[in-house]
C-alpha atoms as a PDB file:
ATOM      1  CA  UNK A   1      71.333-102.222  -4.796  1.00  0.00           C
ATOM      2  CA  UNK A   2      70.360-105.829  -4.522  1.00  0.00           C
ATOM      3  CA  UNK A   3      67.657-107.569  -6.417  1.00  0.00           C
ATOM      4  CA  UNK A   4      65.507-108.130  -3.283  1.00  0.00           C
ATOM      5  CA  UNK A   5      65.680-104.447  -2.277  1.00  0.00           C
ATOM      6  CA  UNK A   6      64.599-103.478  -5.799  1.00  0.00           C
ATOM      7  CA  UNK A   7      61.634-105.901  -5.764  1.00  0.00           C
ATOM      8  CA  UNK A   8      60.617-104.705  -2.261  1.00  0.00           C
ATOM      9  CA  UNK A   9      60.586-101.094  -3.430  1.00  0.00           C
ATOM     10  CA  UNK A  10      58.668-102.036  -6.545  1.00  0.00           C
ATOM     11  CA  UNK A  11      56.104-103.919  -4.433  1.00  0.00           C
ATOM     12  CA  UNK A  12      55.816-100.982  -2.011  1.00  0.00           C
ATOM     13  CA  UNK A  13      55.211 -98.441  -4.788  1.00  0.00           C
ATOM     14  CA  UNK A  14      52.764-100.812  -6.527  1.00  0.00           C
ATOM     15  CA  UNK A  15      50.675-101.188  -3.362  1.00  0.00           C
ATOM     16  CA  UNK A  16      50.867 -97.437  -2.706  1.00  0.00           C
ATOM     17  CA  UNK A  17      49.731 -96.690  -6.269  1.00  0.00           C
ATOM     18  CA  UNK A  18      46.852 -99.171  -5.961  1.00  0.00           C
ATOM     19  CA  UNK A  19      45.468 -97.169  -3.026  1.00  0.00           C
ATOM     20  CA  UNK A  20      46.385 -93.613  -4.014  1.00  0.00           C
ATOM     21  CA  UNK A  21      45.483 -93.535  -7.720  1.00  0.00           C
ATOM     22  CA  UNK A  22      41.748 -94.372  -7.254  1.00  0.00           C
ATOM     23  CA  UNK A  23      41.450 -91.664  -4.593  1.00  0.00           C
ATOM     24  CA  UNK A  24      43.081 -89.092  -6.867  1.00  0.00           C
ATOM     25  CA  UNK A  25      40.899 -90.079  -9.827  1.00  0.00           C
ATOM     26  CA  UNK A  26      37.766 -89.829  -7.651  1.00  0.00           C
ATOM     27  CA  UNK A  27      38.821 -86.394  -6.403  1.00  0.00           C
ATOM     28  CA  UNK A  28      39.412 -85.098  -9.927  1.00  0.00           C
ATOM     29  CA  UNK A  29      36.089 -86.583 -11.101  1.00  0.00           C
ATOM     30  CA  UNK A  30      34.188 -84.859  -8.282  1.00  0.00           C
ATOM     31  CA  UNK A  31      35.933 -81.526  -8.788  1.00  0.00           C
ATOM     32  CA  UNK A  32      35.245 -81.517 -12.541  1.00  0.00           C
ATOM     33  CA  UNK A  33      31.639 -82.802 -12.339  1.00  0.00           C
ATOM     34  CA  UNK A  34      32.332 -85.735 -14.650  1.00  0.00           C
ATOM     35  CA  UNK A  35      29.153 -87.464 -13.471  1.00  0.00           C
ATOM     36  CA  UNK A  36      25.797 -86.561 -11.964  1.00  0.00           C
ATOM     37  CA  UNK A  37      25.767 -86.624  -8.225  1.00  0.00           C
ATOM     38  CA  UNK A  38      23.283 -89.147  -6.946  1.00  0.00           C
ATOM     39  CA  UNK A  39      19.949 -87.937  -5.688  1.00  0.00           C
ATOM     40  CA  UNK A  40      17.292 -90.184  -4.354  1.00  0.00           C
ATOM     41  CA  UNK A  41      14.462 -87.726  -3.858  1.00  0.00           C
ATOM     42  CA  UNK A  42      11.741 -87.690  -6.490  1.00  0.00           C
ATOM     43  CA  UNK A  43      10.446 -84.184  -5.829  1.00  0.00           C
ATOM     44  CA  UNK A  44      12.222 -80.938  -6.606  1.00  0.00           C
ATOM     45  CA  UNK A  45      14.444 -79.865  -3.739  1.00  0.00           C
ATOM     46  CA  UNK A  46      13.688 -76.370  -2.438  1.00  0.00           C
ATOM     47  CA  UNK A  47      16.845 -74.562  -1.373  1.00  0.00           C
ATOM     48  CA  UNK A  48      16.628 -72.733   0.955  1.00  0.00           C
ATOM     49  CA  UNK A  49      13.522 -74.212   2.509  1.00  0.00           C
ATOM     50  CA  UNK A  50      10.210 -72.317   2.579  1.00  0.00           C
ATOM     51  CA  UNK A  51       8.831 -71.616   6.041  1.00  0.00           C
ATOM     52  CA  UNK A  52       5.161 -72.533   6.563  1.00  0.00           C
ATOM     53  CA  UNK A  53       5.223 -71.738  10.299  1.00  0.00           C
ATOM     54  CA  UNK A  54       2.832 -68.797   9.964  1.00  0.00           C
ATOM     55  CA  UNK A  55       0.111 -71.061   8.539  1.00  0.00           C
ATOM     56  CA  UNK A  56       0.886 -74.220  10.532  1.00  0.00           C
ATOM     57  CA  UNK A  57       1.980 -72.791  13.897  1.00  0.00           C
ATOM     58  CA  UNK A  58      -0.911 -74.287  15.883  1.00  0.00           C
ATOM     59  CA  UNK A  59      -0.566 -77.730  14.312  1.00  0.00           C
ATOM     60  CA  UNK A  60       1.129 -80.701  16.022  1.00  0.00           C
ATOM     61  CA  UNK A  61       4.574 -81.681  14.681  1.00  0.00           C
ATOM     62  CA  UNK A  62       3.951 -84.068  11.778  1.00  0.00           C
ATOM     63  CA  UNK A  63       5.200 -84.675   8.282  1.00  0.00           C
ATOM     64  CA  UNK A  64       2.779 -82.997   5.898  1.00  0.00           C
ATOM     65  CA  UNK A  65       1.796 -82.927   2.282  1.00  0.00           C
ATOM     66  CA  UNK A  66       0.559 -79.363   1.956  1.00  0.00           C
ATOM     67  CA  UNK A  67      -1.525 -77.890  -0.816  1.00  0.00           C
ATOM     68  CA  UNK A  68      -2.846 -74.336  -0.929  1.00  0.00           C
ATOM     69  CA  UNK A  69      -6.350 -74.227  -2.413  1.00  0.00           C
ATOM     70  CA  UNK A  70      -6.361 -71.628  -5.208  1.00  0.00           C
ATOM     71  CA  UNK A  71      -9.095 -69.135  -6.118  1.00  0.00           C
ATOM     72  CA  UNK A  72     -10.545 -71.588  -8.652  1.00  0.00           C
ATOM     73  CA  UNK A  73     -10.327 -75.311  -7.969  1.00  0.00           C
ATOM     74  CA  UNK A  74      -9.854 -76.803 -11.439  1.00  0.00           C
ATOM     75  CA  UNK A  75      -8.740 -80.304 -12.463  1.00  0.00           C
ATOM     76  CA  UNK A  76      -5.185 -79.740 -11.213  1.00  0.00           C
ATOM     77  CA  UNK A  77      -6.528 -78.671  -7.829  1.00  0.00           C
ATOM     78  CA  UNK A  78      -8.791 -81.730  -7.591  1.00  0.00           C
ATOM     79  CA  UNK A  79      -5.896 -83.995  -8.625  1.00  0.00           C
ATOM     80  CA  UNK A  80      -3.642 -82.449  -5.974  1.00  0.00           C
ATOM     81  CA  UNK A  81      -6.221 -82.999  -3.258  1.00  0.00           C
ATOM     82  CA  UNK A  82      -6.870 -86.549  -4.405  1.00  0.00           C
ATOM     83  CA  UNK A  83      -3.124 -87.267  -4.557  1.00  0.00           C
ATOM     84  CA  UNK A  84      -2.309 -86.075  -1.052  1.00  0.00           C
ATOM     85  CA  UNK A  85      -5.272 -88.041   0.330  1.00  0.00           C
ATOM     86  CA  UNK A  86      -4.134 -91.212  -1.415  1.00  0.00           C
ATOM     87  CA  UNK A  87      -0.514 -90.789  -0.343  1.00  0.00           C
ATOM     88  CA  UNK A  88      -1.622 -90.316   3.259  1.00  0.00           C
ATOM     89  CA  UNK A  89      -3.785 -93.456   3.090  1.00  0.00           C
ATOM     90  CA  UNK A  90      -0.952 -95.427   1.470  1.00  0.00           C
ATOM     91  CA  UNK A  91       1.256 -94.761   4.505  1.00  0.00           C
ATOM     92  CA  UNK A  92      -0.757 -97.385   6.366  1.00  0.00           C
ATOM     93  CA  UNK A  93       0.290 -97.709   9.988  1.00  0.00           C
ATOM     94  CA  UNK A  94       2.466 -94.599   9.671  1.00  0.00           C
ATOM     95  CA  UNK A  95      -0.534 -92.325   9.024  1.00  0.00           C
ATOM     96  CA  UNK A  96      -0.412 -91.041  12.588  1.00  0.00           C
ATOM     97  CA  UNK A  97       3.007 -89.485  11.834  1.00  0.00           C
ATOM     98  CA  UNK A  98       1.832 -87.647   8.723  1.00  0.00           C
ATOM     99  CA  UNK A  99      -1.016 -85.446   7.606  1.00  0.00           C
ATOM    100  CA  UNK A 100      -2.637 -84.359   4.358  1.00  0.00           C
ATOM    101  CA  UNK A 101      -3.097 -80.623   4.851  1.00  0.00           C
ATOM    102  CA  UNK A 102      -4.979 -78.062   2.816  1.00  0.00           C
ATOM    103  CA  UNK A 103      -4.322 -74.390   3.396  1.00  0.00           C
ATOM    104  CA  UNK A 104      -7.258 -72.168   2.614  1.00  0.00           C
ATOM    105  CA  UNK A 105      -7.107 -68.406   2.498  1.00  0.00           C
ATOM    106  CA  UNK A 106      -9.686 -65.709   1.894  1.00  0.00           C
ATOM    107  CA  UNK A 107      -9.026 -66.125  -1.859  1.00  0.00           C
ATOM    108  CA  UNK A 108      -9.608 -69.895  -1.940  1.00  0.00           C
ATOM    109  CA  UNK A 109     -12.498 -71.455  -3.868  1.00  0.00           C
ATOM    110  CA  UNK A 110     -15.390 -71.542  -1.339  1.00  0.00           C
ATOM    111  CA  UNK A 111     -17.435 -74.198  -3.156  1.00  0.00           C
ATOM    112  CA  UNK A 112     -14.455 -76.556  -3.200  1.00  0.00           C
ATOM    113  CA  UNK A 113     -13.807 -75.937   0.493  1.00  0.00           C
ATOM    114  CA  UNK A 114     -17.415 -76.720   1.392  1.00  0.00           C
ATOM    115  CA  UNK A 115     -17.139 -80.041  -0.454  1.00  0.00           C
ATOM    116  CA  UNK A 116     -13.794 -80.821   1.164  1.00  0.00           C
ATOM    117  CA  UNK A 117     -15.028 -80.230   4.699  1.00  0.00           C
ATOM    118  CA  UNK A 118     -17.459 -83.119   4.240  1.00  0.00           C
ATOM    119  CA  UNK A 119     -14.726 -85.497   3.049  1.00  0.00           C
ATOM    120  CA  UNK A 120     -12.455 -87.767   5.002  1.00  0.00           C
ATOM    121  CA  UNK A 121      -8.941 -87.409   6.333  1.00  0.00           C
ATOM    122  CA  UNK A 122      -7.984 -83.903   5.304  1.00  0.00           C
ATOM    123  CA  UNK A 123      -6.654 -81.346   7.723  1.00  0.00           C
ATOM    124  CA  UNK A 124      -7.994 -77.972   6.581  1.00  0.00           C
ATOM    125  CA  UNK A 125      -6.085 -74.994   7.950  1.00  0.00           C
ATOM    126  CA  UNK A 126      -7.476 -71.492   7.624  1.00  0.00           C
ATOM    127  CA  UNK A 127      -4.607 -69.099   7.137  1.00  0.00           C
ATOM    128  CA  UNK A 128      -5.112 -65.403   6.593  1.00  0.00           C
ATOM    129  CA  UNK A 129      -1.755 -65.126   4.931  1.00  0.00           C
ATOM    130  CA  UNK A 130       0.391 -67.947   3.816  1.00  0.00           C
ATOM    131  CA  UNK A 131       4.121 -67.275   3.965  1.00  0.00           C
ATOM    132  CA  UNK A 132       5.010 -64.123   2.096  1.00  0.00           C
ATOM    133  CA  UNK A 133       7.925 -65.957   0.524  1.00  0.00           C
ATOM    134  CA  UNK A 134       8.060 -64.861  -3.115  1.00  0.00           C
ATOM    135  CA  UNK A 135       9.120 -68.361  -4.181  1.00  0.00           C
ATOM    136  CA  UNK A 136       5.613 -69.636  -3.426  1.00  0.00           C
ATOM    137  CA  UNK A 137       4.307 -67.377  -6.171  1.00  0.00           C
ATOM    138  CA  UNK A 138       7.070 -68.519  -8.513  1.00  0.00           C
ATOM    139  CA  UNK A 139       6.111 -72.168  -7.974  1.00  0.00           C
ATOM    140  CA  UNK A 140       2.476 -71.398  -8.742  1.00  0.00           C
ATOM    141  CA  UNK A 141      -0.790 -72.624  -7.293  1.00  0.00           C
ATOM    142  CA  UNK A 142      -0.585 -76.201  -8.474  1.00  0.00           C
ATOM    143  CA  UNK A 143       2.229 -77.368  -6.270  1.00  0.00           C
ATOM    144  CA  UNK A 144       2.203 -79.868  -3.425  1.00  0.00           C
ATOM    145  CA  UNK A 145       4.831 -79.301  -0.754  1.00  0.00           C
ATOM    146  CA  UNK A 146       6.433 -81.892   1.493  1.00  0.00           C
ATOM    147  CA  UNK A 147       6.752 -80.131   4.842  1.00  0.00           C
ATOM    148  CA  UNK A 148       8.828 -81.483   7.738  1.00  0.00           C
ATOM    149  CA  UNK A 149       7.937 -81.510  11.425  1.00  0.00           C
ATOM    150  CA  UNK A 150       9.392 -78.004  11.864  1.00  0.00           C
ATOM    151  CA  UNK A 151       7.023 -76.613   9.196  1.00  0.00           C
ATOM    152  CA  UNK A 152       9.767 -76.211   6.604  1.00  0.00           C
ATOM    153  CA  UNK A 153       8.849 -77.130   3.015  1.00  0.00           C
ATOM    154  CA  UNK A 154      11.787 -78.987   1.535  1.00  0.00           C
ATOM    155  CA  UNK A 155      10.408 -80.701  -1.572  1.00  0.00           C
ATOM    156  CA  UNK A 156       7.810 -79.668  -4.105  1.00  0.00           C
ATOM    157  CA  UNK A 157       5.801 -81.592  -6.673  1.00  0.00           C
ATOM    158  CA  UNK A 158       4.051 -80.223  -9.762  1.00  0.00           C
ATOM    159  CA  UNK A 159       0.472 -81.410 -10.133  1.00  0.00           C
ATOM    160  CA  UNK A 160      -0.765 -82.491 -13.527  1.00  0.00           C
ATOM    161  CA  UNK A 161      -4.203 -81.729 -14.973  1.00  0.00           C
ATOM    162  CA  UNK A 162      -4.325 -85.294 -16.329  1.00  0.00           C
ATOM    163  CA  UNK A 163      -5.688 -87.675 -13.662  1.00  0.00           C
ATOM    164  CA  UNK A 164      -3.533 -90.667 -14.679  1.00  0.00           C
ATOM    165  CA  UNK A 165      -0.337 -88.603 -14.697  1.00  0.00           C
ATOM    166  CA  UNK A 166      -1.231 -87.108 -11.321  1.00  0.00           C
ATOM    167  CA  UNK A 167      -1.720 -90.585  -9.864  1.00  0.00           C
ATOM    168  CA  UNK A 168       1.642 -91.724 -11.251  1.00  0.00           C
ATOM    169  CA  UNK A 169       3.311 -88.615  -9.811  1.00  0.00           C
ATOM    170  CA  UNK A 170       1.797 -89.324  -6.400  1.00  0.00           C
ATOM    171  CA  UNK A 171       4.017 -92.418  -6.289  1.00  0.00           C
ATOM    172  CA  UNK A 172       6.984 -90.070  -6.161  1.00  0.00           C
ATOM    173  CA  UNK A 173       5.441 -88.243  -3.211  1.00  0.00           C
ATOM    174  CA  UNK A 174       4.822 -91.520  -1.423  1.00  0.00           C
ATOM    175  CA  UNK A 175       8.395 -92.708  -1.983  1.00  0.00           C
ATOM    176  CA  UNK A 176       9.840 -89.476  -0.574  1.00  0.00           C
ATOM    177  CA  UNK A 177       7.512 -89.391   2.439  1.00  0.00           C
ATOM    178  CA  UNK A 178       8.242 -93.010   3.308  1.00  0.00           C
ATOM    179  CA  UNK A 179      11.981 -92.486   3.017  1.00  0.00           C
ATOM    180  CA  UNK A 180      11.980 -89.349   5.173  1.00  0.00           C
ATOM    181  CA  UNK A 181       9.741 -90.903   7.799  1.00  0.00           C
ATOM    182  CA  UNK A 182      11.977 -93.963   7.918  1.00  0.00           C
ATOM    183  CA  UNK A 183      15.038 -91.792   8.524  1.00  0.00           C
ATOM    184  CA  UNK A 184      13.279 -89.492  11.005  1.00  0.00           C
ATOM    185  CA  UNK A 185      12.342 -90.274  14.563  1.00  0.00           C
ATOM    186  CA  UNK A 186      10.284 -87.109  14.871  1.00  0.00           C
ATOM    187  CA  UNK A 187       6.638 -86.802  13.997  1.00  0.00           C
END
């Protein structure tokens, strides 16, 4: 074997190793969960999605921040309502593609509903029965849902009783809504 053949083979295997070794290392790293997979959503992902079609079936297709008004509207309830209103307003020229929606049932706080009906840009939906999905009960009353144009809740956000914390958390909602609306051509 000549010296040039040996150096050509060495160069070939060096170039091959430079391309193959990083791919193999990446594969092993992914298979063994050596790092956290990147997520860009701020809310908690709901898998599988929760269907809100029963409550929102007569509504036009829009992105929604949905909150179900509980039997007693306490500080968390008021913060949730304030947050979804502010997020909707912060969307600016995209507000026509989204909606702040409150679902009221026969159990909802009537005094709070009467006050809300006199307020601004809230879509109040009367629903006799919100989805019977048991996960809604697991998440509790003080949860805001990000619902897509097909009425599927995909993200959820806990609402804080502290006003300042609730306002800071609404930034997460706004970031997720803006990102999804940017990627979507529907709604």
